[in-house]
C-alpha atoms as a PDB file:
ATOM      1  CA  MET A   1     149.059 141.494  56.176  1.00  0.00           C
ATOM      2  CA  ALA A   2     152.559 140.186  55.479  1.00  0.00           C
ATOM      3  CA  ALA A   3     154.024 140.756  52.096  1.00  0.00           C
ATOM      4  CA  PRO A   4     155.851 137.696  50.671  1.00  0.00           C
ATOM      5  CA  ALA A   5     159.553 138.183  50.604  1.00  0.00           C
ATOM      6  CA  THR A   6     161.159 136.972  47.356  1.00  0.00           C
ATOM      7  CA  ASP A   7     164.724 137.340  48.687  1.00  0.00           C
ATOM      8  CA  ARG A   8     165.164 136.721  52.393  1.00  0.00           C
ATOM      9  CA  ALA A   9     167.365 139.374  53.978  1.00  0.00           C
ATOM     10  CA  GLY A  10     168.891 137.237  56.724  1.00  0.00           C
ATOM     11  CA  SER A  11     172.703 136.758  56.589  1.00  0.00           C
ATOM     12  CA  GLY A  12     172.780 133.637  58.780  1.00  0.00           C
ATOM     13  CA  GLY A  13     175.206 135.294  61.192  1.00  0.00           C
ATOM     14  CA  GLN A  14     177.564 136.465  58.446  1.00  0.00           C
ATOM     15  CA  GLY A  15     177.982 140.131  57.648  1.00  0.00           C
ATOM     16  CA  PRO A  16     179.140 141.484  54.321  1.00  0.00           C
ATOM     17  CA  SER A  17     182.721 140.738  53.274  1.00  0.00           C
ATOM     18  CA  ASN A  18     185.124 143.593  52.567  1.00  0.00           C
ATOM     19  CA  GLY A  19     185.168 144.675  48.987  1.00  0.00           C
ATOM     20  CA  PRO A  20     182.369 145.030  46.385  1.00  0.00           C
ATOM     21  CA  SER A  21     179.400 142.730  46.360  1.00  0.00           C
ATOM     22  CA  ASN A  22     176.006 142.778  44.600  1.00  0.00           C
ATOM     23  CA  ILE A  23     173.191 142.464  47.158  1.00  0.00           C
ATOM     24  CA  THR A  24     169.579 143.577  47.666  1.00  0.00           C
ATOM     25  CA  LEU A  25     168.689 146.660  49.556  1.00  0.00           C
ATOM     26  CA  ALA A  26     166.885 144.398  52.100  1.00  0.00           C
ATOM     27  CA  LYS A  27     170.011 142.348  52.697  1.00  0.00           C
ATOM     28  CA  ALA A  28     172.077 145.563  53.089  1.00  0.00           C
ATOM     29  CA  LEU A  29     169.725 146.816  55.746  1.00  0.00           C
ATOM     30  CA  ASN A  30     169.931 143.478  57.533  1.00  0.00           C
ATOM     31  CA  ASP A  31     173.747 143.555  57.427  1.00  0.00           C
ATOM     32  CA  GLY A  32     173.770 147.190  58.558  1.00  0.00           C
ATOM     33  CA  LEU A  33     171.590 146.443  61.548  1.00  0.00           C
ATOM     34  CA  ARG A  34     173.788 143.451  62.366  1.00  0.00           C
ATOM     35  CA  ALA A  35     176.934 145.551  62.198  1.00  0.00           C
ATOM     36  CA  ALA A  36     175.420 148.211  64.529  1.00  0.00           C
ATOM     37  CA  MET A  37     174.298 145.533  67.045  1.00  0.00           C
ATOM     38  CA  GLU A  38     177.737 143.861  67.040  1.00  0.00           C
ATOM     39  CA  GLY A  39     179.389 147.235  67.579  1.00  0.00           C
ATOM     40  CA  ASP A  40     177.190 148.439  70.498  1.00  0.00           C
ATOM     41  CA  ASP A  41     175.278 146.249  72.871  1.00  0.00           C
ATOM     42  CA  LYS A  42     173.014 149.184  73.626  1.00  0.00           C
ATOM     43  CA  VAL A  43     171.439 148.831  70.154  1.00  0.00           C
ATOM     44  CA  ILE A  44     168.114 147.043  70.419  1.00  0.00           C
ATOM     45  CA  LEU A  45     165.403 146.350  67.812  1.00  0.00           C
ATOM     46  CA  MET A  46     161.663 146.656  68.494  1.00  0.00           C
ATOM     47  CA  GLY A  47     158.616 146.030  66.350  1.00  0.00           C
ATOM     48  CA  GLU A  48     155.767 143.825  65.326  1.00  0.00           C
ATOM     49  CA  ASP A  49     156.781 140.336  64.231  1.00  0.00           C
ATOM     50  CA  ILE A  50     160.451 141.313  63.798  1.00  0.00           C
ATOM     51  CA  GLY A  51     161.838 138.489  65.883  1.00  0.00           C
ATOM     52  CA  LYS A  52     161.109 134.890  64.866  1.00  0.00           C
ATOM     53  CA  LEU A  53     159.402 135.993  61.630  1.00  0.00           C
ATOM     54  CA  GLY A  54     162.081 138.615  60.796  1.00  0.00           C
ATOM     55  CA  GLY A  55     159.532 141.295  59.919  1.00  0.00           C
ATOM     56  CA  VAL A  56     157.008 141.245  57.121  1.00  0.00           C
ATOM     57  CA  PHE A  57     159.780 142.171  54.637  1.00  0.00           C
ATOM     58  CA  ARG A  58     162.329 139.962  56.439  1.00  0.00           C
ATOM     59  CA  ILE A  59     164.691 142.908  57.155  1.00  0.00           C
ATOM     60  CA  THR A  60     165.459 141.605  60.667  1.00  0.00           C
ATOM     61  CA  ASP A  61     165.627 137.939  59.602  1.00  0.00           C
ATOM     62  CA  GLY A  62     168.070 135.962  61.776  1.00  0.00           C
ATOM     63  CA  LEU A  63     168.850 138.747  64.219  1.00  0.00           C
ATOM     64  CA  GLN A  64     166.781 137.503  67.143  1.00  0.00           C
ATOM     65  CA  LYS A  65     168.357 134.037  66.731  1.00  0.00           C
ATOM     66  CA  ASP A  66     171.850 135.580  66.918  1.00  0.00           C
ATOM     67  CA  PHE A  67     171.314 138.385  69.470  1.00  0.00           C
ATOM     68  CA  GLY A  68     168.486 136.998  71.590  1.00  0.00           C
ATOM     69  CA  GLU A  69     164.984 138.055  72.561  1.00  0.00           C
ATOM     70  CA  GLN A  70     166.326 140.820  74.911  1.00  0.00           C
ATOM     71  CA  ARG A  71     167.777 142.766  71.982  1.00  0.00           C
ATOM     72  CA  VAL A  72     165.287 141.957  69.216  1.00  0.00           C
ATOM     73  CA  LEU A  73     161.891 142.473  70.804  1.00  0.00           C
ATOM     74  CA  ASP A  74     158.558 141.362  69.364  1.00  0.00           C
ATOM     75  CA  THR A  75     156.057 143.989  70.478  1.00  0.00           C
ATOM     76  CA  PRO A  76     152.214 144.201  70.627  1.00  0.00           C
ATOM     77  CA  LEU A  77     150.420 145.780  67.736  1.00  0.00           C
ATOM     78  CA  ALA A  78     150.580 149.216  69.285  1.00  0.00           C
ATOM     79  CA  GLU A  79     152.753 151.815  67.567  1.00  0.00           C
ATOM     80  CA  SER A  80     152.193 154.414  70.257  1.00  0.00           C
ATOM     81  CA  GLY A  81     153.425 151.832  72.764  1.00  0.00           C
ATOM     82  CA  ILE A  82     156.450 150.959  70.636  1.00  0.00           C
ATOM     83  CA  ILE A  83     157.550 154.558  70.282  1.00  0.00           C
ATOM     84  CA  GLY A  84     156.810 155.473  73.884  1.00  0.00           C
ATOM     85  CA  THR A  85     158.681 152.549  75.220  1.00  0.00           C
ATOM     86  CA  ALA A  86     161.653 153.285  72.951  1.00  0.00           C
ATOM     87  CA  ILE A  87     161.762 156.904  74.136  1.00  0.00           C
ATOM     88  CA  GLY A  88     162.043 155.693  77.704  1.00  0.00           C
ATOM     89  CA  LEU A  89     164.838 153.266  76.736  1.00  0.00           C
ATOM     90  CA  ALA A  90     166.685 156.062  74.878  1.00  0.00           C
ATOM     91  CA  LEU A  91     166.514 158.235  78.033  1.00  0.00           C
ATOM     92  CA  ARG A  92     168.232 155.333  79.845  1.00  0.00           C
ATOM     93  CA  GLY A  93     171.125 155.231  77.372  1.00  0.00           C
ATOM     94  CA  PHE A  94     169.929 152.610  74.922  1.00  0.00           C
ATOM     95  CA  ARG A  95     169.780 153.031  71.148  1.00  0.00           C
ATOM     96  CA  PRO A  96     166.392 151.609  70.070  1.00  0.00           C
ATOM     97  CA  VAL A  97     165.532 150.981  66.447  1.00  0.00           C
ATOM     98  CA  CYS A  98     161.772 150.756  65.984  1.00  0.00           C
ATOM     99  CA  GLU A  99     160.289 149.121  62.901  1.00  0.00           C
ATOM    100  CA  ILE A 100     156.905 150.347  61.773  1.00  0.00           C
ATOM    101  CA  GLN A 101     155.396 147.515  59.767  1.00  0.00           C
ATOM    102  CA  PHE A 102     153.908 149.681  57.018  1.00  0.00           C
ATOM    103  CA  ASP A 103     154.010 153.451  56.364  1.00  0.00           C
ATOM    104  CA  GLY A 104     150.279 153.951  57.116  1.00  0.00           C
ATOM    105  CA  PHE A 105     150.635 152.282  60.504  1.00  0.00           C
ATOM    106  CA  VAL A 106     152.856 155.092  61.890  1.00  0.00           C
ATOM    107  CA  PHE A 107     150.059 157.411  62.694  1.00  0.00           C
ATOM    108  CA  PRO A 108     149.003 155.801  66.048  1.00  0.00           C
ATOM    109  CA  GLY A 109     152.567 156.619  67.161  1.00  0.00           C
ATOM    110  CA  PHE A 110     152.538 160.081  65.617  1.00  0.00           C
ATOM    111  CA  ASP A 111     151.718 161.917  68.846  1.00  0.00           C
ATOM    112  CA  GLN A 112     154.673 160.290  70.657  1.00  0.00           C
ATOM    113  CA  ILE A 113     156.979 161.207  67.795  1.00  0.00           C
ATOM    114  CA  VAL A 114     155.898 164.825  67.467  1.00  0.00           C
ATOM    115  CA  SER A 115     155.087 165.638  71.119  1.00  0.00           C
ATOM    116  CA  GLN A 116     157.933 163.820  72.810  1.00  0.00           C
ATOM    117  CA  LEU A 117     160.590 162.324  70.600  1.00  0.00           C
ATOM    118  CA  SER A 118     161.257 165.506  68.554  1.00  0.00           C
ATOM    119  CA  LYS A 119     161.408 167.824  71.583  1.00  0.00           C
ATOM    120  CA  LEU A 120     163.256 166.071  74.363  1.00  0.00           C
ATOM    121  CA  ARG A 121     166.792 166.961  73.245  1.00  0.00           C
ATOM    122  CA  TYR A 122     165.898 170.598  72.806  1.00  0.00           C
ATOM    123  CA  ARG A 123     163.794 170.693  75.966  1.00  0.00           C
ATOM    124  CA  SER A 124     166.773 169.466  77.942  1.00  0.00           C
ATOM    125  CA  GLN A 125     169.201 171.882  76.247  1.00  0.00           C
ATOM    126  CA  GLY A 126     171.088 168.926  74.768  1.00  0.00           C
ATOM    127  CA  LYS A 127     171.518 167.094  78.044  1.00  0.00           C
ATOM    128  CA  LEU A 128     169.219 164.214  76.915  1.00  0.00           C
ATOM    129  CA  PRO A 129     170.243 162.956  73.486  1.00  0.00           C
ATOM    130  CA  MET A 130     167.475 161.056  71.699  1.00  0.00           C
ATOM    131  CA  ARG A 131     169.404 158.167  70.051  1.00  0.00           C
ATOM    132  CA  LEU A 132     166.327 156.578  68.475  1.00  0.00           C
ATOM    133  CA  VAL A 133     165.612 155.468  64.890  1.00  0.00           C
ATOM    134  CA  VAL A 134     162.127 154.874  63.468  1.00  0.00           C
ATOM    135  CA  ARG A 135     162.291 152.652  60.342  1.00  0.00           C
ATOM    136  CA  ILE A 136     159.389 153.109  58.007  1.00  0.00           C
ATOM    137  CA  PRO A 137     158.937 151.119  54.733  1.00  0.00           C
ATOM    138  CA  PHE A 138     157.231 153.614  52.466  1.00  0.00           C
ATOM    139  CA  GLY A 139     155.777 154.118  49.031  1.00  0.00           C
ATOM    140  CA  GLY A 140     153.725 152.012  46.656  1.00  0.00           C
ATOM    141  CA  GLY A 141     154.356 149.683  43.763  1.00  0.00           C
ATOM    142  CA  ILE A 142     153.835 146.338  45.516  1.00  0.00           C
ATOM    143  CA  GLY A 143     150.149 145.792  44.877  1.00  0.00           C
ATOM    144  CA  ALA A 144     149.208 146.342  48.511  1.00  0.00           C
ATOM    145  CA  VAL A 145     145.969 147.589  50.070  1.00  0.00           C
ATOM    146  CA  GLU A 146     145.166 150.871  51.719  1.00  0.00           C
ATOM    147  CA  HIS A 147     147.532 152.010  54.534  1.00  0.00           C
ATOM    148  CA  HIS A 148     150.352 149.900  52.989  1.00  0.00           C
ATOM    149  CA  SER A 149     151.573 152.177  50.214  1.00  0.00           C
ATOM    150  CA  GLU A 150     151.714 155.759  51.503  1.00  0.00           C
ATOM    151  CA  SER A 151     154.452 158.392  51.434  1.00  0.00           C
ATOM    152  CA  PRO A 152     154.148 160.461  54.618  1.00  0.00           C
ATOM    153  CA  GLU A 153     157.676 161.831  54.657  1.00  0.00           C
ATOM    154  CA  SER A 154     156.640 165.489  54.314  1.00  0.00           C
ATOM    155  CA  LEU A 155     154.809 165.285  57.600  1.00  0.00           C
ATOM    156  CA  PHE A 156     157.895 164.310  59.508  1.00  0.00           C
ATOM    157  CA  ALA A 157     160.257 166.646  57.615  1.00  0.00           C
ATOM    158  CA  HIS A 158     158.129 169.601  58.841  1.00  0.00           C
ATOM    159  CA  VAL A 159     158.631 168.584  62.516  1.00  0.00           C
ATOM    160  CA  ALA A 160     161.545 170.528  64.101  1.00  0.00           C
ATOM    161  CA  GLY A 161     163.851 168.233  66.090  1.00  0.00           C
ATOM    162  CA  LEU A 162     163.538 165.252  63.766  1.00  0.00           C
ATOM    163  CA  LYS A 163     166.073 164.211  61.173  1.00  0.00           C
ATOM    164  CA  VAL A 164     164.565 162.488  58.137  1.00  0.00           C
ATOM    165  CA  VAL A 165     166.394 160.405  55.555  1.00  0.00           C
ATOM    166  CA  ALA A 166     165.554 158.035  52.719  1.00  0.00           C
ATOM    167  CA  CYS A 167     167.878 155.433  51.229  1.00  0.00           C
ATOM    168  CA  SER A 168     167.541 154.261  47.586  1.00  0.00           C
ATOM    169  CA  ASN A 169     170.199 151.554  47.070  1.00  0.00           C
ATOM    170  CA  ALA A 170     172.109 148.878  48.940  1.00  0.00           C
ATOM    171  CA  ALA A 171     175.199 150.861  49.746  1.00  0.00           C
ATOM    172  CA  ASP A 172     173.202 153.797  51.245  1.00  0.00           C
ATOM    173  CA  ALA A 173     170.980 151.377  53.132  1.00  0.00           C
ATOM    174  CA  TYR A 174     173.931 149.648  54.714  1.00  0.00           C
ATOM    175  CA  TRP A 175     175.814 152.762  55.779  1.00  0.00           C
ATOM    176  CA  MET A 176     172.847 155.133  56.502  1.00  0.00           C
ATOM    177  CA  ILE A 177     171.136 152.823  58.922  1.00  0.00           C
ATOM    178  CA  GLN A 178     174.374 152.603  60.958  1.00  0.00           C
ATOM    179  CA  GLN A 179     174.918 156.364  60.793  1.00  0.00           C
ATOM    180  CA  ALA A 180     171.263 156.955  61.871  1.00  0.00           C
ATOM    181  CA  ILE A 181     171.699 154.627  64.860  1.00  0.00           C
ATOM    182  CA  ASP A 182     174.936 156.433  65.793  1.00  0.00           C
ATOM    183  CA  SER A 183     173.196 159.873  65.681  1.00  0.00           C
ATOM    184  CA  ASP A 184     172.434 161.777  68.898  1.00  0.00           C
ATOM    185  CA  ASP A 185     169.203 163.093  67.239  1.00  0.00           C
ATOM    186  CA  PRO A 186     166.087 161.081  66.511  1.00  0.00           C
ATOM    187  CA  VAL A 187     166.081 159.858  62.909  1.00  0.00           C
ATOM    188  CA  ILE A 188     162.987 158.848  60.833  1.00  0.00           C
ATOM    189  CA  PHE A 189     164.449 156.338  58.337  1.00  0.00           C
ATOM    190  CA  PHE A 190     162.413 155.770  55.226  1.00  0.00           C
ATOM    191  CA  GLU A 191     162.975 152.606  53.196  1.00  0.00           C
ATOM    192  CA  PRO A 192     161.550 152.247  49.632  1.00  0.00           C
ATOM    193  CA  LYS A 193     159.664 148.964  50.029  1.00  0.00           C
ATOM    194  CA  ARG A 194     159.298 148.205  46.310  1.00  0.00           C
ATOM    195  CA  ARG A 195     163.112 148.465  45.960  1.00  0.00           C
ATOM    196  CA  TYR A 196     163.823 146.010  48.741  1.00  0.00           C
ATOM    197  CA  TRP A 197     164.631 143.185  46.379  1.00  0.00           C
ATOM    198  CA  GLU A 198     166.618 145.134  43.790  1.00  0.00           C
ATOM    199  CA  LYS A 199     170.307 144.484  43.765  1.00  0.00           C
ATOM    200  CA  SER A 200     173.129 147.034  43.582  1.00  0.00           C
ATOM    201  CA  GLU A 201     176.747 147.192  44.571  1.00  0.00           C
ATOM    202  CA  LEU A 202     177.911 147.459  48.144  1.00  0.00           C
ATOM    203  CA  ASP A 203     181.654 147.961  48.788  1.00  0.00           C
ATOM    204  CA  THR A 204     182.228 148.051  52.560  1.00  0.00           C
ATOM    205  CA  SER A 205     185.882 149.107  52.011  1.00  0.00           C
ATOM    206  CA  VAL A 206     184.761 152.466  50.647  1.00  0.00           C
ATOM    207  CA  LYS A 207     184.312 155.199  53.238  1.00  0.00           C
ATOM    208  CA  PRO A 208     180.588 156.295  53.376  1.00  0.00           C
ATOM    209  CA  ARG A 209     179.539 159.864  52.763  1.00  0.00           C
ATOM    210  CA  PRO A 210     178.115 161.819  55.712  1.00  0.00           C
ATOM    211  CA  LEU A 211     174.472 160.984  56.541  1.00  0.00           C
ATOM    212  CA  HIS A 212     172.862 164.319  55.821  1.00  0.00           C
ATOM    213  CA  THR A 213     174.199 164.948  52.279  1.00  0.00           C
ATOM    214  CA  SER A 214     172.697 164.571  48.821  1.00  0.00           C
ATOM    215  CA  ARG A 215     174.568 162.822  46.031  1.00  0.00           C
ATOM    216  CA  VAL A 216     175.053 163.464  42.352  1.00  0.00           C
ATOM    217  CA  LEU A 217     174.476 160.106  40.578  1.00  0.00           C
ATOM    218  CA  ARG A 218     174.818 161.284  37.008  1.00  0.00           C
ATOM    219  CA  THR A 219     176.190 164.470  35.538  1.00  0.00           C
ATOM    220  CA  GLY A 220     174.559 166.280  32.609  1.00  0.00           C
ATOM    221  CA  SER A 221     174.174 169.660  30.983  1.00  0.00           C
ATOM    222  CA  ALA A 222     170.582 169.789  29.661  1.00  0.00           C
ATOM    223  CA  ALA A 223     168.536 169.701  32.871  1.00  0.00           C
ATOM    224  CA  THR A 224     168.673 168.659  36.541  1.00  0.00           C
ATOM    225  CA  VAL A 225     166.358 165.977  37.902  1.00  0.00           C
ATOM    226  CA  VAL A 226     166.071 165.498  41.669  1.00  0.00           C
ATOM    227  CA  ALA A 227     164.504 162.507  43.444  1.00  0.00           C
ATOM    228  CA  TYR A 228     164.780 160.372  46.522  1.00  0.00           C
ATOM    229  CA  GLY A 229     163.833 156.919  47.786  1.00  0.00           C
ATOM    230  CA  PRO A 230     161.908 154.759  45.287  1.00  0.00           C
ATOM    231  CA  MET A 231     161.892 157.372  42.546  1.00  0.00           C
ATOM    232  CA  VAL A 232     165.683 157.393  42.172  1.00  0.00           C
ATOM    233  CA  ARG A 233     165.635 154.237  40.079  1.00  0.00           C
ATOM    234  CA  THR A 234     162.795 155.603  37.921  1.00  0.00           C
ATOM    235  CA  VAL A 235     164.725 158.860  37.330  1.00  0.00           C
ATOM    236  CA  LEU A 236     167.913 157.019  36.458  1.00  0.00           C
ATOM    237  CA  ASP A 237     165.975 154.895  33.946  1.00  0.00           C
ATOM    238  CA  ALA A 238     164.524 158.104  32.483  1.00  0.00           C
ATOM    239  CA  ALA A 239     167.954 159.645  32.157  1.00  0.00           C
ATOM    240  CA  ALA A 240     169.236 156.588  30.390  1.00  0.00           C
ATOM    241  CA  ALA A 241     166.258 156.722  27.947  1.00  0.00           C
ATOM    242  CA  ALA A 242     166.393 160.517  27.367  1.00  0.00           C
ATOM    243  CA  ASP A 243     167.912 161.946  24.186  1.00  0.00           C
ATOM    244  CA  CYS A 244     169.735 164.562  26.247  1.00  0.00           C
ATOM    245  CA  GLU A 245     172.196 164.655  29.107  1.00  0.00           C
ATOM    246  CA  LEU A 246     170.348 164.862  32.450  1.00  0.00           C
ATOM    247  CA  GLU A 247     172.030 165.486  35.801  1.00  0.00           C
ATOM    248  CA  VAL A 248     170.460 163.228  38.424  1.00  0.00           C
ATOM    249  CA  ILE A 249     170.659 163.947  42.181  1.00  0.00           C
ATOM    250  CA  ASP A 250     169.543 161.665  44.988  1.00  0.00           C
ATOM    251  CA  LEU A 251     168.566 163.882  47.938  1.00  0.00           C
ATOM    252  CA  ARG A 252     169.055 161.073  50.518  1.00  0.00           C
ATOM    253  CA  THR A 253     168.317 163.571  53.359  1.00  0.00           C
ATOM    254  CA  LEU A 254     164.934 165.206  53.570  1.00  0.00           C
ATOM    255  CA  SER A 255     165.440 167.115  56.843  1.00  0.00           C
ATOM    256  CA  PRO A 256     167.842 168.807  56.771  1.00  0.00           C
ATOM    257  CA  LEU A 257     167.843 169.192  53.026  1.00  0.00           C
ATOM    258  CA  ASP A 258     171.263 169.365  51.450  1.00  0.00           C
ATOM    259  CA  LEU A 259     170.584 171.489  48.382  1.00  0.00           C
ATOM    260  CA  ALA A 260     174.051 172.802  47.639  1.00  0.00           C
ATOM    261  CA  PRO A 261     174.610 170.183  44.859  1.00  0.00           C
ATOM    262  CA  VAL A 262     171.189 171.000  43.437  1.00  0.00           C
ATOM    263  CA  PHE A 263     171.933 174.753  43.396  1.00  0.00           C
ATOM    264  CA  ASP A 264     175.283 174.068  41.627  1.00  0.00           C
ATOM    265  CA  ALA A 265     173.609 171.857  39.025  1.00  0.00           C
ATOM    266  CA  VAL A 266     170.734 174.255  38.379  1.00  0.00           C
ATOM    267  CA  ARG A 267     173.191 177.131  37.850  1.00  0.00           C
ATOM    268  CA  ARG A 268     174.780 175.046  35.112  1.00  0.00           C
ATOM    269  CA  THR A 269     171.747 173.477  33.506  1.00  0.00           C
ATOM    270  CA  GLY A 270     169.216 176.241  34.088  1.00  0.00           C
ATOM    271  CA  ARG A 271     166.370 173.718  34.439  1.00  0.00           C
ATOM    272  CA  LEU A 272     165.017 171.535  37.251  1.00  0.00           C
ATOM    273  CA  VAL A 273     162.497 168.684  37.541  1.00  0.00           C
ATOM    274  CA  CYS A 274     161.617 167.338  41.034  1.00  0.00           C
ATOM    275  CA  VAL A 275     160.241 163.803  41.253  1.00  0.00           C
ATOM    276  CA  ALA A 276     158.554 162.033  44.193  1.00  0.00           C
ATOM    277  CA  GLU A 277     155.754 159.500  44.889  1.00  0.00           C
ATOM    278  CA  ALA A 278     154.145 161.725  47.564  1.00  0.00           C
ATOM    279  CA  PRO A 279     151.345 164.113  46.653  1.00  0.00           C
ATOM    280  CA  GLY A 280     152.642 167.459  45.419  1.00  0.00           C
ATOM    281  CA  GLU A 281     150.750 169.726  47.817  1.00  0.00           C
ATOM    282  CA  SER A 282     153.007 171.073  50.658  1.00  0.00           C
ATOM    283  CA  SER A 283     155.645 168.445  49.904  1.00  0.00           C
ATOM    284  CA  ILE A 284     159.361 167.880  49.763  1.00  0.00           C
ATOM    285  CA  THR A 285     159.323 168.706  46.043  1.00  0.00           C
ATOM    286  CA  ALA A 286     157.583 171.944  46.804  1.00  0.00           C
ATOM    287  CA  GLU A 287     160.259 172.932  49.335  1.00  0.00           C
ATOM    288  CA  VAL A 288     163.032 172.114  46.813  1.00  0.00           C
ATOM    289  CA  ALA A 289     161.267 174.132  44.101  1.00  0.00           C
ATOM    290  CA  ALA A 290     160.879 177.127  46.418  1.00  0.00           C
ATOM    291  CA  ARG A 291     164.520 177.038  47.624  1.00  0.00           C
ATOM    292  CA  VAL A 292     165.905 176.709  44.115  1.00  0.00           C
ATOM    293  CA  GLN A 293     163.772 179.631  42.920  1.00  0.00           C
ATOM    294  CA  GLN A 294     165.056 181.672  45.815  1.00  0.00           C
ATOM    295  CA  GLU A 295     168.730 180.837  45.344  1.00  0.00           C
ATOM    296  CA  CYS A 296     168.971 180.373  41.607  1.00  0.00           C
ATOM    297  CA  PHE A 297     166.335 182.716  40.196  1.00  0.00           C
ATOM    298  CA  TYR A 298     168.638 184.378  37.632  1.00  0.00           C
ATOM    299  CA  SER A 299     170.009 181.014  36.422  1.00  0.00           C
ATOM    300  CA  LEU A 300     166.640 179.445  35.679  1.00  0.00           C
ATOM    301  CA  GLU A 301     165.687 179.177  32.010  1.00  0.00           C
ATOM    302  CA  ALA A 302     162.298 177.617  32.703  1.00  0.00           C
ATOM    303  CA  PRO A 303     159.919 177.156  35.646  1.00  0.00           C
ATOM    304  CA  VAL A 304     160.721 174.364  38.014  1.00  0.00           C
ATOM    305  CA  LEU A 305     158.488 171.364  37.222  1.00  0.00           C
ATOM    306  CA  ARG A 306     157.387 168.604  39.580  1.00  0.00           C
ATOM    307  CA  VAL A 307     156.300 165.034  38.904  1.00  0.00           C
ATOM    308  CA  THR A 308     154.438 163.638  41.939  1.00  0.00           C
ATOM    309  CA  GLY A 309     151.682 161.390  43.131  1.00  0.00           C
ATOM    310  CA  PHE A 310     148.240 162.947  42.892  1.00  0.00           C
ATOM    311  CA  ASP A 311     146.603 164.904  45.774  1.00  0.00           C
ATOM    312  CA  THR A 312     144.286 162.019  46.670  1.00  0.00           C
ATOM    313  CA  PRO A 313     144.479 159.079  49.091  1.00  0.00           C
ATOM    314  CA  TYR A 314     146.459 156.207  47.698  1.00  0.00           C
ATOM    315  CA  PRO A 315     144.227 154.263  45.243  1.00  0.00           C
ATOM    316  CA  PRO A 316     143.325 150.548  45.100  1.00  0.00           C
ATOM    317  CA  SER A 317     146.270 148.500  43.985  1.00  0.00           C
ATOM    318  CA  LYS A 318     144.727 147.885  40.484  1.00  0.00           C
ATOM    319  CA  CYS A 319     144.975 151.654  39.847  1.00  0.00           C
ATOM    320  CA  GLU A 320     148.392 152.344  41.342  1.00  0.00           C
ATOM    321  CA  GLU A 321     150.222 152.255  38.007  1.00  0.00           C
ATOM    322  CA  TYR A 322     148.216 155.307  37.010  1.00  0.00           C
ATOM    323  CA  TYR A 323     148.969 157.091  40.304  1.00  0.00           C
ATOM    324  CA  LEU A 324     152.736 156.529  40.602  1.00  0.00           C
ATOM    325  CA  PRO A 325     155.160 158.715  38.596  1.00  0.00           C
ATOM    326  CA  ASP A 326     156.739 156.541  35.872  1.00  0.00           C
ATOM    327  CA  LEU A 327     159.393 156.931  33.198  1.00  0.00           C
ATOM    328  CA  ASP A 328     156.952 158.473  30.707  1.00  0.00           C
ATOM    329  CA  ARG A 329     155.781 161.156  33.139  1.00  0.00           C
ATOM    330  CA  VAL A 330     159.360 162.027  33.995  1.00  0.00           C
ATOM    331  CA  LEU A 331     160.390 162.235  30.368  1.00  0.00           C
ATOM    332  CA  ASP A 332     157.350 164.365  29.558  1.00  0.00           C
ATOM    333  CA  ALA A 333     158.345 166.874  32.255  1.00  0.00           C
ATOM    334  CA  VAL A 334     161.892 166.923  30.875  1.00  0.00           C
ATOM    335  CA  ASP A 335     160.581 167.631  27.391  1.00  0.00           C
ATOM    336  CA  ARG A 336     158.382 170.451  28.735  1.00  0.00           C
ATOM    337  CA  VAL A 337     161.133 172.099  30.724  1.00  0.00           C
ATOM    338  CA  LEU A 338     163.485 171.961  27.768  1.00  0.00           C
ATOM    339  CA  ALA A 339     160.882 173.345  25.361  1.00  0.00           C
ATOM    340  CA  HIS A 340     160.068 176.355  27.521  1.00  0.00           C
END
């Protein structure tokens, strides 16, 4: 079941130094969890094989050794039990961070998340904050089998009471996991598993942007391209290869959506392409398209186009390259939106 980690995330007890460094997204998450645990002894980690093993992707590598078995808990293979126990701990003032081993394994805990976790703060009129984070590695591209490559983010974004975010690079991973842990609302934290071992710059001396905000990564005048999580790198590669200037926006937050930068960009470019791995039906990309049509109708020069996974269960790994949106599919959508 475990995927081999090509770059162990553990920091050996040493967090990131101040100033810029080039590290993997996995290492940034490990350092972010370490910083949160050092700053608040109420932060505890829970999950399957996250202790001595450090998780199947080694995100928690070294943390049990440094913080002990009472704060980094290896749990039974029971996602409903993990989430239910964490809810009880949150009610007692702790800040649990639950790791779901793979995206497709979250569904045994779905009832706890939807029926209890999402509702308790509202049910108590704010008297019971739910300081709980559910970490979910999501998406494909690692040659894994069924239930290990899914993109269920739209299901959670539809549930009132939950906050849903997705990091795409080391800097966001480091800061967003700490901000999620610090939140009084429950946060579903999606991590793009095929990007775990890609390096990018982290400068811990730079003040992070607020958690629930999107970010313009590249400015352009021809068309706007929106993505999140694993597709951000794909879209940036497409923008570099395109023979026109594309504006690229990383949503970062899926619920609540921060679409003000998208509206501003579409009013300038007149064109929008939304990209995601998840199936297109009733998805985040569908919501973005609807909201842009509503707010920017008279600025649009072409229909909003979407590049997504297909509306089928995730295929066997030998077929995933045909299922996942790639650079060619993104560039084709850009060509079509410009030609309209």
